[in-house]
Amino acid sequence: MEDQVQSSLFVKTFPVGPLQCNCTLVGNSQSGQAILIDPGGDSEMLLQELSEHQLQLVEILHTHAHLDHLSLIHISEPTRLLSIG
């Protein structure tokens, strides 16, 4: 069972925004759902990543409230926005 769960999980971390802060995309290929952690910029690139992997954004997680981590709050309207910091 563990191998099956791992094979459906997609995790990618990359720098975004003017300060190149790390953002992490976590998706599940079986459910087609994804979350973004600290999406601080480059919304077009992030939306392209979601599209390429056929993932629907369902949540955005912010680990803390610095401006470089909150600049994509406008794409969170159809999603659940969680602040964990």
N, C-alpha and C. Protein backbone atom coordinates (compact mmCIF):
# COMPACT_ATOMS: atom_id res chain seq x y z
N MET A 1 0.83 -1.20 0.00
CA MET A 1 0.00 0.00 0.00
C MET A 1 0.87 1.25 0.00
N GLU A 2 1.96 1.25 0.74
CA GLU A 2 2.83 2.42 0.84
C GLU A 2 3.41 2.80 -0.51
N ASP A 3 3.85 1.84 -1.32
CA ASP A 3 4.39 2.14 -2.64
C ASP A 3 3.35 2.80 -3.53
N GLN A 4 2.11 2.35 -3.43
CA GLN A 4 1.04 2.91 -4.24
C GLN A 4 0.81 4.39 -3.88
N VAL A 5 0.83 4.73 -2.61
CA VAL A 5 0.66 6.10 -2.16
C VAL A 5 1.81 6.96 -2.65
N GLN A 6 3.03 6.48 -2.51
CA GLN A 6 4.19 7.24 -2.93
C GLN A 6 4.19 7.48 -4.44
N SER A 7 3.75 6.54 -5.23
CA SER A 7 3.77 6.71 -6.68
C SER A 7 2.75 7.73 -7.16
N SER A 8 1.70 7.99 -6.38
CA SER A 8 0.70 8.96 -6.80
C SER A 8 1.01 10.37 -6.30
N LEU A 9 2.01 10.51 -5.44
CA LEU A 9 2.37 11.80 -4.87
C LEU A 9 3.39 12.51 -5.74
N PHE A 10 3.12 13.78 -6.02
CA PHE A 10 4.00 14.61 -6.82
C PHE A 10 4.44 15.78 -5.94
N VAL A 11 5.75 15.97 -5.77
CA VAL A 11 6.28 17.09 -4.98
C VAL A 11 7.36 17.78 -5.79
N LYS A 12 7.22 19.10 -5.92
CA LYS A 12 8.23 19.88 -6.63
C LYS A 12 8.42 21.21 -5.91
N THR A 13 9.68 21.55 -5.62
CA THR A 13 10.01 22.81 -4.97
C THR A 13 10.85 23.64 -5.92
N PHE A 14 10.51 24.92 -6.03
CA PHE A 14 11.24 25.81 -6.93
C PHE A 14 11.17 27.23 -6.41
N PRO A 15 12.14 28.07 -6.79
CA PRO A 15 12.13 29.48 -6.36
C PRO A 15 11.14 30.29 -7.19
N VAL A 16 10.43 31.20 -6.52
CA VAL A 16 9.46 32.06 -7.20
C VAL A 16 9.56 33.48 -6.68
N GLY A 17 9.05 34.40 -7.46
CA GLY A 17 8.96 35.79 -7.06
C GLY A 17 10.29 36.52 -7.13
N PRO A 18 10.24 37.82 -6.88
CA PRO A 18 11.44 38.64 -6.99
C PRO A 18 12.53 38.27 -5.99
N LEU A 19 12.14 37.68 -4.86
CA LEU A 19 13.13 37.28 -3.86
C LEU A 19 13.52 35.82 -3.98
N GLN A 20 12.96 35.13 -4.99
CA GLN A 20 13.27 33.72 -5.26
C GLN A 20 13.11 32.84 -4.01
N CYS A 21 11.98 33.02 -3.33
CA CYS A 21 11.67 32.20 -2.16
C CYS A 21 11.13 30.84 -2.61
N ASN A 22 11.40 29.83 -1.83
CA ASN A 22 10.97 28.48 -2.20
C ASN A 22 9.46 28.34 -2.10
N CYS A 23 8.90 27.74 -3.13
CA CYS A 23 7.49 27.39 -3.19
C CYS A 23 7.44 25.89 -3.45
N THR A 24 6.50 25.21 -2.85
CA THR A 24 6.37 23.77 -3.05
C THR A 24 4.98 23.43 -3.57
N LEU A 25 4.96 22.66 -4.63
CA LEU A 25 3.73 22.12 -5.20
C LEU A 25 3.65 20.67 -4.78
N VAL A 26 2.54 20.31 -4.14
CA VAL A 26 2.30 18.92 -3.74
C VAL A 26 0.99 18.48 -4.39
N GLY A 27 1.08 17.43 -5.20
CA GLY A 27 -0.11 16.97 -5.90
C GLY A 27 -0.29 15.47 -5.79
N ASN A 28 -1.50 15.04 -6.06
CA ASN A 28 -1.84 13.63 -6.06
C ASN A 28 -2.37 13.29 -7.45
N SER A 29 -1.63 12.47 -8.17
CA SER A 29 -2.03 12.15 -9.55
C SER A 29 -3.32 11.33 -9.61
N GLN A 30 -3.65 10.62 -8.56
CA GLN A 30 -4.89 9.83 -8.57
C GLN A 30 -6.12 10.70 -8.36
N SER A 31 -6.03 11.65 -7.42
CA SER A 31 -7.18 12.53 -7.17
C SER A 31 -7.19 13.74 -8.09
N GLY A 32 -6.00 14.10 -8.62
CA GLY A 32 -5.90 15.29 -9.45
C GLY A 32 -5.89 16.58 -8.66
N GLN A 33 -5.72 16.48 -7.36
CA GLN A 33 -5.73 17.67 -6.51
C GLN A 33 -4.32 18.04 -6.08
N ALA A 34 -4.15 19.36 -5.80
CA ALA A 34 -2.83 19.85 -5.41
C ALA A 34 -2.95 20.98 -4.40
N ILE A 35 -1.86 21.18 -3.66
CA ILE A 35 -1.73 22.34 -2.80
C ILE A 35 -0.44 23.06 -3.17
N LEU A 36 -0.42 24.36 -2.93
CA LEU A 36 0.80 25.15 -3.08
C LEU A 36 1.18 25.66 -1.70
N ILE A 37 2.45 25.56 -1.40
CA ILE A 37 2.97 26.05 -0.12
C ILE A 37 3.87 27.24 -0.41
N ASP A 38 3.54 28.37 0.18
CA ASP A 38 4.29 29.63 0.03
C ASP A 38 4.47 30.08 -1.42
N PRO A 39 3.36 30.25 -2.15
CA PRO A 39 3.48 30.73 -3.54
C PRO A 39 3.68 32.24 -3.56
N GLY A 40 4.92 32.69 -3.61
CA GLY A 40 5.23 34.10 -3.47
C GLY A 40 5.40 34.86 -4.77
N GLY A 41 4.94 34.34 -5.88
CA GLY A 41 5.06 35.05 -7.15
C GLY A 41 5.04 34.09 -8.31
N ASP A 42 5.20 34.64 -9.52
CA ASP A 42 5.24 33.83 -10.75
C ASP A 42 3.98 33.00 -10.93
N SER A 43 2.82 33.65 -10.80
CA SER A 43 1.56 32.93 -10.87
C SER A 43 1.36 32.19 -12.19
N GLU A 44 1.78 32.79 -13.30
CA GLU A 44 1.61 32.12 -14.60
C GLU A 44 2.39 30.81 -14.64
N MET A 45 3.61 30.82 -14.13
CA MET A 45 4.43 29.61 -14.10
C MET A 45 3.80 28.54 -13.19
N LEU A 46 3.27 28.96 -12.04
CA LEU A 46 2.65 28.01 -11.13
C LEU A 46 1.39 27.41 -11.75
N LEU A 47 0.59 28.24 -12.39
CA LEU A 47 -0.61 27.72 -13.06
C LEU A 47 -0.24 26.78 -14.20
N GLN A 48 0.85 27.06 -14.89
CA GLN A 48 1.33 26.18 -15.96
C GLN A 48 1.77 24.82 -15.38
N GLU A 49 2.46 24.84 -14.25
CA GLU A 49 2.87 23.59 -13.59
C GLU A 49 1.64 22.75 -13.24
N LEU A 50 0.62 23.39 -12.70
CA LEU A 50 -0.61 22.67 -12.36
C LEU A 50 -1.23 22.06 -13.61
N SER A 51 -1.28 22.83 -14.67
CA SER A 51 -1.86 22.36 -15.93
C SER A 51 -1.06 21.20 -16.52
N GLU A 52 0.26 21.33 -16.54
CA GLU A 52 1.12 20.28 -17.10
C GLU A 52 0.93 18.94 -16.41
N HIS A 53 0.66 18.99 -15.12
CA HIS A 53 0.51 17.75 -14.35
C HIS A 53 -0.96 17.40 -14.13
N GLN A 54 -1.85 18.12 -14.82
CA GLN A 54 -3.30 17.88 -14.74
C GLN A 54 -3.79 17.88 -13.30
N LEU A 55 -3.39 18.93 -12.56
CA LEU A 55 -3.75 19.06 -11.16
C LEU A 55 -4.64 20.27 -10.96
N GLN A 56 -5.59 20.14 -10.04
CA GLN A 56 -6.46 21.25 -9.67
C GLN A 56 -6.03 21.75 -8.30
N LEU A 57 -5.80 23.04 -8.19
CA LEU A 57 -5.39 23.64 -6.92
C LEU A 57 -6.58 23.69 -5.97
N VAL A 58 -6.42 23.07 -4.79
CA VAL A 58 -7.50 23.05 -3.81
C VAL A 58 -7.17 23.81 -2.54
N GLU A 59 -5.88 24.00 -2.27
CA GLU A 59 -5.48 24.76 -1.08
C GLU A 59 -4.17 25.48 -1.32
N ILE A 60 -4.03 26.62 -0.66
CA ILE A 60 -2.77 27.34 -0.61
C ILE A 60 -2.39 27.45 0.86
N LEU A 61 -1.19 27.03 1.19
CA LEU A 61 -0.70 27.12 2.56
C LEU A 61 0.38 28.19 2.65
N HIS A 62 0.25 29.05 3.63
CA HIS A 62 1.28 30.06 3.89
C HIS A 62 1.91 29.73 5.23
N THR A 63 3.22 29.54 5.24
CA THR A 63 3.90 29.16 6.48
C THR A 63 4.16 30.36 7.38
N HIS A 64 4.16 31.56 6.80
CA HIS A 64 4.27 32.78 7.59
C HIS A 64 3.82 33.96 6.74
N ALA A 65 3.62 35.10 7.37
CA ALA A 65 2.95 36.23 6.71
C ALA A 65 3.89 37.28 6.13
N HIS A 66 5.02 36.90 5.60
CA HIS A 66 5.88 37.86 4.91
C HIS A 66 5.31 38.13 3.52
N LEU A 67 5.50 39.36 3.02
CA LEU A 67 4.96 39.75 1.73
C LEU A 67 5.42 38.81 0.60
N ASP A 68 6.66 38.33 0.67
CA ASP A 68 7.16 37.46 -0.40
C ASP A 68 6.46 36.11 -0.45
N HIS A 69 5.70 35.78 0.58
CA HIS A 69 4.96 34.51 0.58
C HIS A 69 3.47 34.71 0.32
N LEU A 70 3.00 35.95 0.35
CA LEU A 70 1.57 36.22 0.23
C LEU A 70 1.16 36.87 -1.07
N SER A 71 2.07 37.09 -1.98
CA SER A 71 1.74 37.88 -3.17
C SER A 71 0.80 37.17 -4.14
N LEU A 72 0.55 35.90 -3.97
CA LEU A 72 -0.37 35.19 -4.87
C LEU A 72 -1.73 34.93 -4.23
N ILE A 73 -2.05 35.67 -3.21
CA ILE A 73 -3.32 35.44 -2.53
C ILE A 73 -4.50 35.62 -3.47
N HIS A 74 -4.33 36.39 -4.55
CA HIS A 74 -5.42 36.62 -5.51
C HIS A 74 -5.81 35.36 -6.29
N ILE A 75 -4.95 34.36 -6.41
CA ILE A 75 -5.35 33.14 -7.13
C ILE A 75 -6.01 32.13 -6.20
N SER A 76 -6.22 32.51 -4.94
CA SER A 76 -6.77 31.56 -3.97
C SER A 76 -8.29 31.60 -3.90
N GLU A 77 -8.95 32.44 -4.69
CA GLU A 77 -10.40 32.55 -4.58
C GLU A 77 -11.13 31.22 -4.71
N PRO A 78 -10.79 30.36 -5.70
CA PRO A 78 -11.53 29.08 -5.78
C PRO A 78 -10.95 28.00 -4.88
N THR A 79 -10.03 28.37 -4.02
CA THR A 79 -9.38 27.37 -3.18
C THR A 79 -9.58 27.74 -1.71
N ARG A 80 -9.14 26.86 -0.86
CA ARG A 80 -9.12 27.14 0.57
C ARG A 80 -7.77 27.69 0.92
N LEU A 81 -7.71 28.82 1.59
CA LEU A 81 -6.46 29.47 1.97
C LEU A 81 -6.20 29.21 3.45
N LEU A 82 -5.07 28.58 3.74
CA LEU A 82 -4.72 28.28 5.13
C LEU A 82 -3.41 28.94 5.49
N SER A 83 -3.38 29.59 6.62
CA SER A 83 -2.13 30.15 7.13
C SER A 83 -1.71 29.31 8.31
N ILE A 84 -0.53 28.70 8.22
CA ILE A 84 -0.10 27.82 9.30
C ILE A 84 1.05 28.42 10.10
N GLY A 85 1.36 29.67 9.87
CA GLY A 85 2.47 30.30 10.58
C GLY A 85 2.02 31.43 11.45
